[in-house]
C-alpha cells in the first residue's frame, strides 16, 4: 500500500484507500473534492483526514482521539502546515485524487 510517513505522537503511516475516503466523506457530509477545497479546509477537516488516514493501523481510533493526537503535536511545537502537506502527499500516493499507477494509467501508457 502507498502511505506517507508522519511523525505525530509517534511515527505513523498515513494511508488513504477507498474505504478511508468514503468514511471521511460520510463524516464530513461532503465529497473529497469539496472537503479538500480551500473553502472547506479547517480544523475539522484536518482532524477527519488524520483519522481517516491513520485508522487502517488503529481501527479503534476515533476522530476525537485524532484531534487529541494533533493537539499534543501542536503543543509540542508541531506545524499544521506539515500536517496539510503530508495529507496531500498521502492522497496523491493513493491515486484517489488523480492519475495513479492503476489499470487506466497503464492502459493509457500502452497506447
Protein backbone atom coordinates (compact mmCIF):
# COMPACT_ATOMS: atom_id res chain seq x y z
CA UNK A 1 0.00 0.00 0.00
CA UNK A 2 1.03 3.55 -0.56
CA UNK A 3 1.43 5.72 2.51
CA UNK A 4 3.25 8.76 3.83
CA UNK A 5 5.36 8.65 6.99
CA UNK A 6 4.14 11.17 9.55
CA UNK A 7 5.60 11.93 12.97
CA UNK A 8 2.90 12.95 15.43
CA UNK A 9 2.82 11.37 18.89
CA UNK A 10 4.97 8.64 17.35
CA UNK A 11 5.96 7.64 13.81
CA UNK A 12 2.83 6.66 11.90
CA UNK A 13 1.81 5.82 8.35
CA UNK A 14 -0.84 8.00 6.76
CA UNK A 15 -2.70 5.97 4.13
CA UNK A 16 -5.88 6.59 2.19
CA UNK A 17 -7.79 3.86 0.44
CA UNK A 18 -11.30 3.87 -1.00
CA UNK A 19 -12.93 2.96 2.31
CA UNK A 20 -10.99 5.56 4.28
CA UNK A 21 -12.02 8.32 1.90
CA UNK A 22 -15.64 7.10 1.91
CA UNK A 23 -15.63 7.18 5.73
CA UNK A 24 -14.21 10.71 5.70
CA UNK A 25 -16.85 11.82 3.17
CA UNK A 26 -19.61 10.28 5.27
CA UNK A 27 -18.47 12.06 8.45
CA UNK A 28 -17.97 15.36 6.62
CA UNK A 29 -21.20 15.02 4.63
CA UNK A 30 -19.31 16.14 1.52
CA UNK A 31 -17.24 14.68 -1.31
CA UNK A 32 -13.45 14.60 -1.08
CA UNK A 33 -13.06 17.33 -3.71
CA UNK A 34 -15.26 19.66 -1.71
CA UNK A 35 -13.61 18.65 1.57
CA UNK A 36 -10.16 19.49 0.21
CA UNK A 37 -11.21 22.83 -1.32
CA UNK A 38 -9.75 25.96 0.22
CA UNK A 39 -13.23 26.98 1.37
CA UNK A 40 -13.67 23.83 3.48
CA UNK A 41 -10.19 23.24 4.91
CA UNK A 42 -10.25 23.82 8.64
CA UNK A 43 -9.52 22.03 11.86
CA UNK A 44 -12.43 19.60 11.49
CA UNK A 45 -11.30 18.58 8.01
CA UNK A 46 -7.68 18.14 9.10
CA UNK A 47 -8.81 16.07 12.09
CA UNK A 48 -11.02 13.88 9.85
CA UNK A 49 -8.23 13.45 7.31
CA UNK A 50 -5.79 12.36 10.01
CA UNK A 51 -8.38 9.99 11.50
CA UNK A 52 -9.21 8.51 8.09
CA UNK A 53 -5.57 8.13 7.13
CA UNK A 54 -4.49 6.50 10.39
CA UNK A 55 -7.40 4.20 11.19
CA UNK A 56 -6.07 1.41 8.95
CA UNK A 57 -3.27 0.95 11.52
CA UNK A 58 -5.50 1.68 14.52
CA UNK A 59 -9.11 0.62 13.73
CA UNK A 60 -10.37 1.79 17.15
CA UNK A 61 -9.10 5.35 16.58
CA UNK A 62 -11.87 7.94 16.77
CA UNK A 63 -11.93 11.44 15.26
CA UNK A 64 -11.76 12.85 18.81
CA UNK A 65 -8.64 10.80 19.54
CA UNK A 66 -7.11 12.00 16.27
CA UNK A 67 -7.81 15.54 17.48
CA UNK A 68 -6.03 14.80 20.76
CA UNK A 69 -3.01 13.50 18.85
CA UNK A 70 -2.99 16.66 16.74
CA UNK A 71 -3.34 18.89 19.82
CA UNK A 72 -0.34 17.27 21.51
CA UNK A 73 1.62 17.57 18.27
CA UNK A 74 0.89 21.30 18.06
CA UNK A 75 1.60 21.85 21.77
CA UNK A 76 4.96 20.18 21.22
CA UNK A 77 5.86 22.76 18.59
CA UNK A 78 4.48 20.93 15.54
CA UNK A 79 3.34 22.85 12.48
CA UNK A 80 -0.14 22.48 10.98
CA UNK A 81 1.34 23.15 7.52
CA UNK A 82 3.44 19.98 7.91
CA UNK A 83 0.23 18.04 8.52
CA UNK A 84 -1.53 19.54 5.50
CA UNK A 85 1.39 18.81 3.19
CA UNK A 86 1.61 15.18 4.29
CA UNK A 87 -2.15 14.68 3.93
CA UNK A 88 -1.90 15.93 0.35
CA UNK A 89 1.13 13.74 -0.39
CA UNK A 90 -0.61 10.66 1.05
CA UNK A 91 -3.72 11.36 -1.03
CA UNK A 92 -1.59 11.75 -4.16
CA UNK A 93 0.20 8.47 -3.45
CA UNK A 94 -3.14 6.71 -3.03
CA UNK A 95 -4.27 7.62 -6.53
CA UNK A 96 -7.62 8.74 -5.10
CA UNK A 97 -7.35 12.35 -6.27
CA UNK A 98 -5.73 11.92 -9.63
CA UNK A 99 -3.99 9.67 -12.05
CA UNK A 100 -2.25 6.91 -10.22
CA UNK A 101 -0.40 3.90 -11.49
CA UNK A 102 -3.58 1.88 -11.75
CA UNK A 103 -5.12 -0.01 -14.63
CA UNK A 104 -6.34 3.05 -16.56
CA UNK A 105 -2.95 4.79 -16.33
CA UNK A 106 -1.23 1.63 -17.59
CA UNK A 107 -3.75 1.26 -20.41
CA UNK A 108 -3.22 4.87 -21.50
CA UNK A 109 0.55 4.50 -21.39
CA UNK A 110 0.38 1.44 -23.62
CA UNK A 111 -1.41 3.39 -26.40
